[in-house]
Amino acid sequence: MFGRVCGRLSVRQVHVPVRQAAGLGVALALLTLAVPRAFAWGQNAERLVTNKAVDTLPPEIGTFFDSNRRFLVQHVTDSDVAVDSSTADKENSFIAIDHYGSFPFADLPRSYAAAVRKYGHRTIDKYGLLPWQIGVYSQKLTQALESQDWEGAKIAAAALGHYVAVAHDPFNTTTDGDGSLSDQPGVNLRFGGGLVDRYQLFFFVKPNEAIYVKDPTDHAFEMVLSAHAWLENILNADRLAHEGLASYSDQYYDHFYAQAGAILVRQLSDASTDIGSYWMTAWINAGRPKLPPK
């Protein structure tokens, strides 16, 4: 449903006030340059945080989003389906930020145009476009709300929810996206899929109320940095949980959840808060239009 946005990102598209008119788009990466990805956040995780995000919104927009809760929860994973069947959207859903030096990766400009000038399109595409894609869809949702395109707003809100959600997954922020470089292949799926699927009935995702996001692209980078900071803790928890075991059994998952469950719940809660915050921000930047009840 989300489709592929055509063209190249420009300075105006990703690093200007979101109410300015802006084109949308990112370039297709050459297939031979693509960094192999196996996305960690499972569909259950994305649906969970999107459902919780609706509850973070103020009453002025809460009714519209609540009425469309089922649509948003259903379609937030559409981009995942596209990634599974095509390479078209892969570079939009991650950024291997550790390619650009050491934390906090100040060598990578947060302006897309400046980043391309410094590293070139091929490198930027290869190592992922996620923070800039969040800026793009923040603008797209703003434009849809401003023009009272309610159907377009629903689609853009679901897409934006997807990109904000995956920015909170530590394994979408690294060149070691599937754990192979750490000799822990599949740890991303065990963390973002296995733990959620097994334990979501036993933990509570508690987001805060949505807040205004001053700069959507800059805040997206901050989300990525926050997620990336947890990576070594999760890898260590996985190693400890599997120590002495021949397989990834129930015993492994119990140990892994005991070690990394708090990180998982924190990231899911923060994702819900940020999805709601981006939705509310787009509405504010659109001039606070009166939304229909459905």
Protein backbone atom coordinates (compact mmCIF):
# COMPACT_ATOMS: atom_id res chain seq x y z
CA MET A 1 0.00 0.00 0.00
CA PHE A 2 2.74 2.45 0.87
CA GLY A 3 4.40 2.04 -2.50
CA ARG A 4 7.71 3.50 -3.50
CA VAL A 5 8.36 7.21 -3.50
CA CYS A 6 10.21 8.21 -6.66
CA GLY A 7 13.06 10.64 -7.13
CA ARG A 8 15.81 11.90 -4.86
CA LEU A 9 15.48 13.56 -1.50
CA SER A 10 16.42 17.22 -1.58
CA VAL A 11 17.42 19.71 1.08
CA ARG A 12 13.88 21.06 1.11
CA GLN A 13 12.39 17.63 1.50
CA VAL A 14 14.17 16.50 4.61
CA HIS A 15 15.62 19.40 6.51
CA VAL A 16 13.18 22.29 6.32
CA PRO A 17 10.13 23.27 8.37
CA VAL A 18 7.57 20.58 7.68
CA ARG A 19 4.83 23.00 6.55
CA GLN A 20 6.82 24.10 3.50
CA ALA A 21 5.82 22.45 0.25
CA ALA A 22 8.17 19.64 -0.50
CA GLY A 23 8.50 16.81 -2.94
CA LEU A 24 8.76 13.31 -1.60
CA GLY A 25 11.18 10.58 -2.49
CA VAL A 26 14.27 8.50 -2.08
CA ALA A 27 16.37 6.78 -4.70
CA LEU A 28 16.46 3.08 -5.47
CA ALA A 29 19.73 1.56 -4.28
CA LEU A 30 21.67 -0.62 -6.69
CA LEU A 31 20.93 -4.22 -5.81
CA THR A 32 24.60 -5.08 -5.80
CA LEU A 33 25.18 -2.48 -3.11
CA ALA A 34 22.36 -3.50 -0.81
CA VAL A 35 23.29 -4.36 2.77
CA PRO A 36 21.60 -7.71 3.59
CA ARG A 37 18.76 -7.11 6.04
CA ALA A 38 16.53 -9.39 8.06
CA PHE A 39 14.23 -7.02 9.87
CA ALA A 40 13.84 -7.70 13.56
CA TRP A 41 10.64 -6.00 14.67
CA GLY A 42 7.94 -8.55 13.98
CA GLN A 43 4.49 -7.62 12.75
CA ASN A 44 3.02 -8.24 16.19
CA ALA A 45 5.39 -5.64 17.66
CA GLU A 46 4.47 -3.03 15.05
CA ARG A 47 0.76 -3.62 15.53
CA LEU A 48 1.13 -3.47 19.30
CA VAL A 49 2.91 -0.11 19.33
CA THR A 50 0.55 1.38 16.74
CA ASN A 51 -2.47 0.36 18.78
CA LYS A 52 -0.95 1.92 21.89
CA ALA A 53 0.04 5.08 19.98
CA VAL A 54 -3.62 5.96 19.40
CA ASP A 55 -4.07 6.27 23.16
CA THR A 56 -1.33 8.91 23.44
CA LEU A 57 -3.26 11.51 21.41
CA PRO A 58 -5.20 14.54 22.67
CA PRO A 59 -9.01 14.55 22.31
CA GLU A 60 -8.91 16.97 19.35
CA ILE A 61 -7.50 14.25 17.13
CA GLY A 62 -7.97 11.16 19.24
CA THR A 63 -11.47 10.45 17.94
CA PHE A 64 -10.35 10.33 14.30
CA PHE A 65 -7.41 8.06 15.03
CA ASP A 66 -9.44 5.88 17.37
CA SER A 67 -12.12 5.44 14.70
CA ASN A 68 -9.38 4.36 12.29
CA ARG A 69 -7.46 2.28 14.82
CA ARG A 70 -8.19 -1.00 13.02
CA PHE A 71 -7.02 0.45 9.69
CA LEU A 72 -3.79 1.77 11.20
CA VAL A 73 -3.00 -1.44 13.06
CA GLN A 74 -3.73 -3.52 9.98
CA HIS A 75 -1.74 -1.43 7.52
CA VAL A 76 1.26 -0.40 9.62
CA THR A 77 2.91 -3.64 8.47
CA ASP A 78 2.29 -3.10 4.74
CA SER A 79 5.86 -1.91 4.26
CA ASP A 80 7.11 -5.13 5.87
CA VAL A 81 5.23 -7.10 3.24
CA ALA A 82 6.79 -4.98 0.51
CA VAL A 83 10.25 -5.58 1.95
CA ASP A 84 9.66 -9.34 2.03
CA SER A 85 8.63 -9.42 -1.63
CA SER A 86 10.85 -6.71 -3.12
CA THR A 87 14.04 -4.78 -2.55
CA ALA A 88 12.26 -1.51 -3.29
CA ASP A 89 11.70 -0.32 0.28
CA LYS A 90 14.58 -1.98 2.12
CA GLU A 91 16.88 1.01 2.45
CA ASN A 92 14.02 3.12 3.82
CA SER A 93 13.51 0.89 6.87
CA PHE A 94 16.97 0.90 8.44
CA ILE A 95 20.14 2.91 8.86
CA ALA A 96 23.42 1.15 9.62
CA ILE A 97 24.60 4.19 11.49
CA ASP A 98 27.68 2.47 12.92
CA HIS A 99 29.15 2.52 9.43
CA TYR A 100 29.79 6.23 10.00
CA GLY A 101 32.26 6.03 12.86
CA SER A 102 31.74 5.92 16.60
CA PHE A 103 28.80 6.86 18.80
CA PRO A 104 27.18 9.42 18.52
CA PHE A 105 28.19 9.27 14.82
CA ALA A 106 28.70 13.00 14.44
CA ASP A 107 30.48 12.43 11.12
CA LEU A 108 27.12 11.74 9.45
CA PRO A 109 25.27 15.00 8.66
CA ARG A 110 21.60 14.91 9.55
CA SER A 111 20.71 16.91 6.46
CA TYR A 112 20.19 14.46 3.59
CA ALA A 113 21.70 16.84 1.06
CA ALA A 114 24.79 17.36 3.22
CA ALA A 115 25.12 13.62 3.82
CA VAL A 116 24.99 12.94 0.07
CA ARG A 117 27.56 15.66 -0.63
CA LYS A 118 29.89 14.06 1.90
CA TYR A 119 29.40 10.34 1.17
CA GLY A 120 27.60 10.11 -2.18
CA HIS A 121 24.24 8.60 -3.09
CA ARG A 122 25.53 5.04 -3.29
CA THR A 123 26.87 4.97 0.25
CA ILE A 124 23.86 6.73 1.76
CA ASP A 125 21.46 4.40 -0.04
CA LYS A 126 23.48 1.30 0.84
CA TYR A 127 23.59 2.01 4.56
CA GLY A 128 19.99 3.12 4.88
CA LEU A 129 17.67 6.11 4.77
CA LEU A 130 15.41 5.56 7.77
CA PRO A 131 15.67 8.94 9.59
CA TRP A 132 15.17 10.86 6.36
CA GLN A 133 12.26 8.63 5.39
CA ILE A 134 10.59 9.54 8.68
CA GLY A 135 11.03 13.20 7.77
CA VAL A 136 9.51 12.54 4.35
CA TYR A 137 6.42 10.83 5.73
CA SER A 138 6.01 13.45 8.43
CA GLN A 139 5.69 15.97 5.62
CA LYS A 140 3.41 13.69 3.64
CA LEU A 141 1.01 13.32 6.57
CA THR A 142 1.12 17.07 7.19
CA GLN A 143 0.24 17.76 3.56
CA ALA A 144 -2.62 15.26 3.57
CA LEU A 145 -4.12 16.76 6.73
CA GLU A 146 -3.64 20.31 5.42
CA SER A 147 -5.52 19.47 2.21
CA GLN A 148 -8.17 17.50 4.14
CA ASP A 149 -7.32 14.34 2.23
CA TRP A 150 -8.51 12.05 4.98
CA GLU A 151 -7.93 8.79 3.11
CA GLY A 152 -4.43 9.89 2.18
CA ALA A 153 -3.85 10.92 5.79
CA LYS A 154 -4.76 7.44 7.02
CA ILE A 155 -2.32 5.82 4.60
CA ALA A 156 0.46 8.28 5.43
CA ALA A 157 -0.17 7.83 9.17
CA ALA A 158 0.17 4.06 8.85
CA ALA A 159 3.38 4.38 6.83
CA LEU A 160 4.81 6.92 9.26
CA GLY A 161 3.92 4.59 12.12
CA HIS A 162 5.89 1.81 10.48
CA TYR A 163 9.05 3.87 10.00
CA VAL A 164 8.91 5.34 13.52
CA ALA A 165 8.37 1.87 14.98
CA VAL A 166 11.34 0.29 13.25
CA ALA A 167 13.59 3.19 14.28
CA HIS A 168 13.24 1.90 17.85
CA ASP A 169 14.58 -1.53 16.97
CA PRO A 170 18.32 -1.63 17.77
CA PHE A 171 18.95 -4.11 14.96
CA ASN A 172 17.68 -1.61 12.38
CA THR A 173 20.52 0.74 13.37
CA THR A 174 23.58 -1.39 12.69
CA THR A 175 25.64 -3.17 10.05
CA ASP A 176 25.16 -6.25 12.24
CA GLY A 177 21.44 -6.29 11.49
CA ASP A 178 20.96 -10.04 11.81
CA GLY A 179 23.67 -10.79 14.37
CA SER A 180 25.96 -12.55 11.90
CA LEU A 181 28.89 -10.25 12.59
CA SER A 182 28.59 -11.08 16.28
CA ASP A 183 28.35 -14.79 15.52
CA GLN A 184 24.77 -14.68 16.85
CA PRO A 185 22.70 -15.10 13.69
CA GLY A 186 18.98 -14.56 14.15
CA VAL A 187 19.29 -12.59 17.40
CA ASN A 188 17.31 -9.77 15.79
CA LEU A 189 14.36 -12.07 15.15
CA ARG A 190 14.59 -13.62 18.60
CA PHE A 191 14.55 -10.18 20.24
CA GLY A 192 11.94 -8.32 18.20
CA GLY A 193 9.81 -11.28 17.17
CA GLY A 194 10.31 -14.23 19.49
CA LEU A 195 10.18 -12.31 22.77
CA VAL A 196 7.16 -10.28 21.70
CA ASP A 197 5.23 -13.28 20.42
CA ARG A 198 5.94 -15.30 23.56
CA TYR A 199 5.59 -12.71 26.31
CA GLN A 200 3.40 -9.85 25.12
CA LEU A 201 0.51 -11.01 27.31
CA PHE A 202 2.75 -10.67 30.36
CA PHE A 203 4.28 -7.22 29.88
CA PHE A 204 2.73 -3.77 29.74
CA VAL A 205 3.57 -1.19 27.11
CA LYS A 206 3.02 2.18 28.79
CA PRO A 207 3.63 5.12 26.46
CA ASN A 208 3.60 8.73 27.58
CA GLU A 209 1.30 11.37 26.14
CA ALA A 210 2.22 12.57 22.67
CA ILE A 211 4.37 15.71 22.49
CA TYR A 212 5.25 18.12 19.69
CA VAL A 213 8.33 17.16 17.65
CA LYS A 214 10.17 20.32 16.67
CA ASP A 215 12.28 18.76 13.90
CA PRO A 216 11.00 15.36 12.66
CA THR A 217 14.21 14.35 10.91
CA ASP A 218 16.48 15.39 13.77
CA HIS A 219 14.27 13.60 16.28
CA ALA A 220 14.39 10.49 14.09
CA PHE A 221 18.17 10.49 14.43
CA GLU A 222 17.81 10.76 18.20
CA MET A 223 15.46 7.75 18.20
CA VAL A 224 18.02 5.78 16.20
CA LEU A 225 20.85 6.72 18.58
CA SER A 226 18.77 5.75 21.61
CA ALA A 227 17.93 2.37 20.07
CA HIS A 228 21.52 1.75 18.99
CA ALA A 229 22.79 2.34 22.52
CA TRP A 230 21.02 -0.85 23.67
CA LEU A 231 22.61 -3.11 21.07
CA GLU A 232 25.52 -4.49 23.10
CA ASN A 233 23.26 -5.16 26.09
CA ILE A 234 20.93 -7.24 23.92
CA LEU A 235 23.77 -9.15 22.28
CA ASN A 236 25.26 -9.93 25.68
CA ALA A 237 21.86 -11.05 27.01
CA ASP A 238 21.48 -13.37 24.03
CA ARG A 239 24.90 -14.90 24.60
CA LEU A 240 24.24 -15.47 28.29
CA ALA A 241 20.80 -16.93 27.67
CA HIS A 242 22.15 -19.44 25.15
CA GLU A 243 25.19 -20.42 27.18
CA GLY A 244 25.26 -24.18 27.77
CA LEU A 245 22.16 -24.81 25.64
CA ALA A 246 22.08 -26.76 22.40
CA SER A 247 19.08 -24.93 20.96
CA TYR A 248 16.93 -21.84 21.31
CA SER A 249 14.46 -23.57 23.58
CA ASP A 250 11.83 -22.33 26.02
CA GLN A 251 14.58 -22.22 28.62
CA TYR A 252 16.65 -19.93 26.38
CA TYR A 253 13.72 -17.56 25.80
CA ASP A 254 12.93 -17.42 29.52
CA HIS A 255 16.53 -16.47 30.24
CA PHE A 256 16.67 -14.01 27.33
CA TYR A 257 13.48 -12.29 28.46
CA ALA A 258 14.77 -12.06 32.03
CA GLN A 259 17.91 -10.34 30.71
CA ALA A 260 16.51 -8.18 27.87
CA GLY A 261 12.78 -7.91 28.53
CA ALA A 262 13.04 -4.52 30.20
CA ILE A 263 14.85 -3.13 27.14
CA LEU A 264 12.20 -4.58 24.85
CA VAL A 265 9.33 -3.06 26.81
CA ARG A 266 11.07 0.31 27.02
CA GLN A 267 11.65 0.41 23.26
CA LEU A 268 8.07 -0.61 22.51
CA SER A 269 6.73 2.02 24.91
CA ASP A 270 8.95 4.73 23.45
CA ALA A 271 7.90 3.70 19.94
CA SER A 272 4.25 4.14 20.86
CA THR A 273 4.92 7.57 22.35
CA ASP A 274 6.87 8.68 19.30
CA ILE A 275 4.33 7.41 16.76
CA GLY A 276 1.62 9.39 18.52
CA SER A 277 3.92 12.39 18.75
CA TYR A 278 4.64 12.35 15.01
CA TRP A 279 0.92 12.06 14.22
CA MET A 280 0.08 14.97 16.51
CA THR A 281 2.97 17.04 15.16
CA ALA A 282 1.75 16.61 11.58
CA TRP A 283 -1.72 17.76 12.65
CA ILE A 284 -0.32 20.84 14.43
CA ASN A 285 1.91 21.71 11.47
CA ALA A 286 -1.09 21.35 9.17
CA GLY A 287 -2.81 24.16 11.08
CA ARG A 288 -4.87 22.00 13.47
CA PRO A 289 -7.65 21.16 10.99
CA LYS A 290 -10.92 19.82 12.35
CA LEU A 291 -10.79 16.10 11.71
CA PRO A 292 -13.85 14.08 10.72
CA PRO A 293 -15.21 11.64 13.32
CA LYS A 294 -14.28 8.70 11.07
